[in-house]
Amino acid sequence: DLAGREEKLFSTTNAYSAAATDLGYAAFPAAVGSGYYNVSVAVGNPPVTYVITATPIGTQINDTQCATLSVDQLGVQSSTGTGTAATCWGN
């Protein structure tokens, strides 16, 4: 959802944003996924790249196979932990 919001913003401004309010969120990090993750976004300089990262919170921190999940403006998915990105992202 957040990547889609970044792309929509880029289509009208030719720039991505790390400002939560530009993307329809009150603040970052923002809890998502039924409270299992906090999402945040980092934008390059100039703002033509981004990386969205989902960091586990609550009981989800016990998932050592798929710790953090990230996706960039090209759709490249990555993760930390012992599992592969394909396993963690369900590809």
N, C-alpha and C. Protein backbone atom coordinates (compact mmCIF):
# COMPACT_ATOMS: atom_id res chain seq x y z
N ASP A 1 0.82 -1.19 0.00
CA ASP A 1 0.00 0.00 0.00
C ASP A 1 0.87 1.26 0.00
N LEU A 2 1.90 1.27 0.85
CA LEU A 2 2.77 2.45 0.94
C LEU A 2 3.54 2.67 -0.36
N ALA A 3 3.99 1.61 -0.99
CA ALA A 3 4.69 1.74 -2.28
C ALA A 3 3.75 2.33 -3.33
N GLY A 4 2.52 1.90 -3.34
CA GLY A 4 1.54 2.46 -4.27
C GLY A 4 1.30 3.93 -4.03
N ARG A 5 1.28 4.33 -2.77
CA ARG A 5 1.11 5.74 -2.44
C ARG A 5 2.32 6.56 -2.90
N GLU A 6 3.52 5.99 -2.76
CA GLU A 6 4.72 6.67 -3.25
C GLU A 6 4.64 6.86 -4.76
N GLU A 7 4.23 5.83 -5.48
CA GLU A 7 4.15 5.92 -6.94
C GLU A 7 3.10 6.93 -7.38
N LYS A 8 1.99 6.97 -6.68
CA LYS A 8 0.95 7.96 -7.01
C LYS A 8 1.49 9.37 -6.81
N LEU A 9 2.19 9.60 -5.71
CA LEU A 9 2.79 10.91 -5.45
C LEU A 9 3.81 11.26 -6.53
N PHE A 10 4.65 10.29 -6.90
CA PHE A 10 5.67 10.53 -7.91
C PHE A 10 5.05 10.89 -9.26
N SER A 11 3.90 10.30 -9.56
CA SER A 11 3.26 10.56 -10.85
C SER A 11 2.81 12.01 -11.00
N THR A 12 2.61 12.69 -9.90
CA THR A 12 2.16 14.08 -9.97
C THR A 12 3.23 15.10 -9.58
N THR A 13 4.26 14.65 -8.83
CA THR A 13 5.27 15.60 -8.36
C THR A 13 6.68 15.31 -8.86
N ASN A 14 6.88 14.14 -9.49
CA ASN A 14 8.21 13.69 -9.92
C ASN A 14 9.18 13.58 -8.76
N ALA A 15 8.65 13.28 -7.58
CA ALA A 15 9.49 13.08 -6.40
C ALA A 15 8.78 12.15 -5.43
N TYR A 16 9.57 11.33 -4.72
CA TYR A 16 9.04 10.52 -3.63
C TYR A 16 9.15 11.33 -2.36
N SER A 17 8.49 10.87 -1.30
CA SER A 17 8.51 11.62 -0.05
C SER A 17 8.69 10.69 1.14
N ALA A 18 9.40 11.17 2.15
CA ALA A 18 9.54 10.46 3.41
C ALA A 18 8.60 11.06 4.46
N ALA A 19 7.84 12.09 4.07
CA ALA A 19 6.91 12.75 5.00
C ALA A 19 5.63 11.92 5.08
N ALA A 20 5.32 11.44 6.26
CA ALA A 20 4.15 10.60 6.45
C ALA A 20 2.88 11.26 5.95
N THR A 21 2.72 12.54 6.21
CA THR A 21 1.49 13.23 5.82
C THR A 21 1.34 13.33 4.31
N ASP A 22 2.43 13.34 3.57
CA ASP A 22 2.35 13.33 2.11
C ASP A 22 1.77 12.03 1.59
N LEU A 23 1.85 10.98 2.41
CA LEU A 23 1.47 9.64 1.98
C LEU A 23 0.23 9.12 2.70
N GLY A 24 -0.45 10.01 3.42
CA GLY A 24 -1.69 9.61 4.07
C GLY A 24 -1.55 8.97 5.43
N TYR A 25 -0.38 9.10 6.04
CA TYR A 25 -0.14 8.56 7.37
C TYR A 25 0.02 9.72 8.35
N ALA A 26 -0.28 9.49 9.61
CA ALA A 26 -0.12 10.53 10.63
C ALA A 26 1.35 10.75 10.95
N ALA A 27 2.12 9.66 11.04
CA ALA A 27 3.54 9.75 11.38
C ALA A 27 4.22 8.44 11.03
N PHE A 28 5.53 8.49 10.90
CA PHE A 28 6.35 7.27 10.75
C PHE A 28 7.23 7.15 11.97
N PRO A 29 7.51 5.97 12.48
CA PRO A 29 6.99 4.70 11.98
C PRO A 29 5.50 4.59 12.26
N ALA A 30 4.81 3.84 11.41
CA ALA A 30 3.37 3.62 11.53
C ALA A 30 3.11 2.13 11.64
N ALA A 31 2.28 1.75 12.59
CA ALA A 31 1.94 0.34 12.77
C ALA A 31 1.00 -0.11 11.66
N VAL A 32 1.32 -1.28 11.07
CA VAL A 32 0.50 -1.87 10.01
C VAL A 32 0.42 -3.38 10.23
N GLY A 33 -0.33 -4.04 9.38
CA GLY A 33 -0.39 -5.50 9.44
C GLY A 33 -0.93 -6.01 10.75
N SER A 34 -2.04 -5.46 11.19
CA SER A 34 -2.67 -5.86 12.46
C SER A 34 -1.73 -5.65 13.64
N GLY A 35 -0.84 -4.67 13.52
CA GLY A 35 0.06 -4.35 14.62
C GLY A 35 1.29 -5.23 14.70
N TYR A 36 1.62 -5.93 13.63
CA TYR A 36 2.80 -6.79 13.62
C TYR A 36 4.06 -6.07 13.15
N TYR A 37 3.91 -4.97 12.43
CA TYR A 37 5.05 -4.25 11.87
C TYR A 37 4.88 -2.75 12.00
N ASN A 38 6.00 -2.05 12.08
CA ASN A 38 6.06 -0.60 11.90
C ASN A 38 6.68 -0.36 10.54
N VAL A 39 6.09 0.52 9.74
CA VAL A 39 6.68 0.85 8.46
C VAL A 39 7.29 2.23 8.52
N SER A 40 8.35 2.39 7.75
CA SER A 40 9.00 3.68 7.59
C SER A 40 9.54 3.75 6.18
N VAL A 41 9.89 4.96 5.74
CA VAL A 41 10.39 5.13 4.38
C VAL A 41 11.60 6.04 4.41
N ALA A 42 12.60 5.67 3.62
CA ALA A 42 13.79 6.50 3.43
C ALA A 42 13.82 6.88 1.95
N VAL A 43 14.08 8.16 1.69
CA VAL A 43 14.08 8.68 0.33
C VAL A 43 15.48 9.17 0.00
N GLY A 44 15.90 8.93 -1.24
CA GLY A 44 17.22 9.38 -1.68
C GLY A 44 17.26 10.88 -1.93
N ASN A 45 18.45 11.35 -2.24
CA ASN A 45 18.66 12.77 -2.54
C ASN A 45 19.40 12.86 -3.86
N PRO A 46 18.74 13.25 -4.94
CA PRO A 46 17.38 13.78 -5.04
C PRO A 46 16.34 12.70 -4.79
N PRO A 47 15.09 13.10 -4.50
CA PRO A 47 14.06 12.14 -4.08
C PRO A 47 13.46 11.31 -5.22
N VAL A 48 14.32 10.57 -5.91
CA VAL A 48 13.86 9.73 -7.01
C VAL A 48 14.03 8.24 -6.70
N THR A 49 14.40 7.94 -5.47
CA THR A 49 14.50 6.56 -4.99
C THR A 49 13.88 6.50 -3.59
N TYR A 50 13.45 5.31 -3.21
CA TYR A 50 12.98 5.12 -1.84
C TYR A 50 13.20 3.67 -1.43
N VAL A 51 13.22 3.46 -0.13
CA VAL A 51 13.20 2.13 0.46
C VAL A 51 12.19 2.17 1.59
N ILE A 52 11.20 1.31 1.50
CA ILE A 52 10.21 1.15 2.56
C ILE A 52 10.63 -0.05 3.38
N THR A 53 10.64 0.11 4.69
CA THR A 53 11.05 -0.99 5.57
C THR A 53 9.95 -1.26 6.60
N ALA A 54 9.61 -2.54 6.74
CA ALA A 54 8.68 -3.00 7.76
C ALA A 54 9.50 -3.70 8.84
N THR A 55 9.44 -3.15 10.04
CA THR A 55 10.20 -3.68 11.18
C THR A 55 9.23 -4.36 12.13
N PRO A 56 9.51 -5.61 12.53
CA PRO A 56 8.57 -6.32 13.39
C PRO A 56 8.43 -5.67 14.77
N ILE A 57 7.21 -5.73 15.30
CA ILE A 57 6.93 -5.26 16.66
C ILE A 57 6.10 -6.32 17.37
N GLY A 58 5.98 -6.18 18.66
CA GLY A 58 5.19 -7.14 19.45
C GLY A 58 5.70 -8.55 19.30
N THR A 59 4.80 -9.49 19.22
CA THR A 59 5.19 -10.90 19.13
C THR A 59 5.89 -11.24 17.82
N GLN A 60 5.73 -10.39 16.81
CA GLN A 60 6.37 -10.64 15.51
C GLN A 60 7.89 -10.59 15.61
N ILE A 61 8.43 -9.95 16.63
CA ILE A 61 9.89 -9.90 16.77
C ILE A 61 10.50 -11.28 16.99
N ASN A 62 9.67 -12.24 17.33
CA ASN A 62 10.16 -13.61 17.52
C ASN A 62 10.40 -14.34 16.21
N ASP A 63 9.97 -13.76 15.09
CA ASP A 63 10.17 -14.38 13.78
C ASP A 63 11.60 -14.08 13.32
N THR A 64 12.50 -15.00 13.58
CA THR A 64 13.90 -14.79 13.21
C THR A 64 14.16 -15.16 11.75
N GLN A 65 13.23 -15.86 11.12
CA GLN A 65 13.39 -16.21 9.71
C GLN A 65 13.19 -14.98 8.83
N CYS A 66 12.20 -14.20 9.13
CA CYS A 66 11.87 -13.02 8.34
C CYS A 66 11.77 -11.82 9.28
N ALA A 67 12.90 -11.22 9.59
CA ALA A 67 12.92 -10.12 10.54
C ALA A 67 12.35 -8.85 9.90
N THR A 68 13.15 -8.06 9.23
CA THR A 68 12.64 -6.88 8.55
C THR A 68 12.37 -7.21 7.08
N LEU A 69 11.41 -6.50 6.51
CA LEU A 69 11.06 -6.64 5.10
C LEU A 69 11.23 -5.28 4.46
N SER A 70 11.83 -5.23 3.27
CA SER A 70 12.04 -3.96 2.57
C SER A 70 11.69 -4.10 1.10
N VAL A 71 11.28 -2.97 0.52
CA VAL A 71 11.01 -2.92 -0.92
C VAL A 71 11.43 -1.53 -1.41
N ASP A 72 11.99 -1.47 -2.61
CA ASP A 72 12.41 -0.17 -3.14
C ASP A 72 11.53 0.24 -4.33
N GLN A 73 11.87 1.38 -4.93
CA GLN A 73 11.06 1.94 -6.02
C GLN A 73 11.05 1.06 -7.27
N LEU A 74 11.97 0.14 -7.37
CA LEU A 74 12.00 -0.78 -8.51
C LEU A 74 11.23 -2.07 -8.21
N GLY A 75 10.73 -2.18 -7.00
CA GLY A 75 10.01 -3.38 -6.60
C GLY A 75 10.91 -4.48 -6.09
N VAL A 76 12.18 -4.18 -5.87
CA VAL A 76 13.13 -5.17 -5.36
C VAL A 76 12.81 -5.42 -3.89
N GLN A 77 12.50 -6.66 -3.57
CA GLN A 77 12.14 -7.05 -2.21
C GLN A 77 13.34 -7.68 -1.52
N SER A 78 13.52 -7.33 -0.25
CA SER A 78 14.61 -7.91 0.53
C SER A 78 14.12 -8.15 1.95
N SER A 79 14.91 -8.89 2.70
CA SER A 79 14.57 -9.16 4.09
C SER A 79 15.84 -9.43 4.87
N THR A 80 15.73 -9.32 6.16
CA THR A 80 16.81 -9.74 7.04
C THR A 80 16.31 -10.95 7.81
N GLY A 81 17.20 -11.69 8.35
CA GLY A 81 16.85 -12.92 9.06
C GLY A 81 17.44 -14.10 8.34
N THR A 82 17.05 -15.28 8.74
CA THR A 82 17.64 -16.49 8.19
C THR A 82 16.95 -16.96 6.91
N GLY A 83 15.75 -16.45 6.61
CA GLY A 83 15.01 -16.86 5.42
C GLY A 83 15.40 -16.04 4.20
N THR A 84 15.05 -16.54 3.05
CA THR A 84 15.31 -15.80 1.81
C THR A 84 14.21 -14.76 1.60
N ALA A 85 14.51 -13.77 0.77
CA ALA A 85 13.50 -12.75 0.45
C ALA A 85 12.28 -13.42 -0.19
N ALA A 86 12.50 -14.39 -1.06
CA ALA A 86 11.37 -15.07 -1.73
C ALA A 86 10.48 -15.77 -0.72
N THR A 87 11.08 -16.40 0.27
CA THR A 87 10.30 -17.09 1.31
C THR A 87 9.54 -16.06 2.16
N CYS A 88 10.22 -15.01 2.56
CA CYS A 88 9.62 -14.03 3.46
C CYS A 88 8.53 -13.22 2.78
N TRP A 89 8.69 -12.94 1.50
CA TRP A 89 7.70 -12.16 0.77
C TRP A 89 6.63 -13.04 0.15
N GLY A 90 6.78 -14.34 0.23
CA GLY A 90 5.77 -15.26 -0.32
C GLY A 90 5.81 -15.37 -1.82
N ASN A 91 6.99 -15.14 -2.40
CA ASN A 91 7.13 -15.24 -3.86
C ASN A 91 7.42 -16.65 -4.29
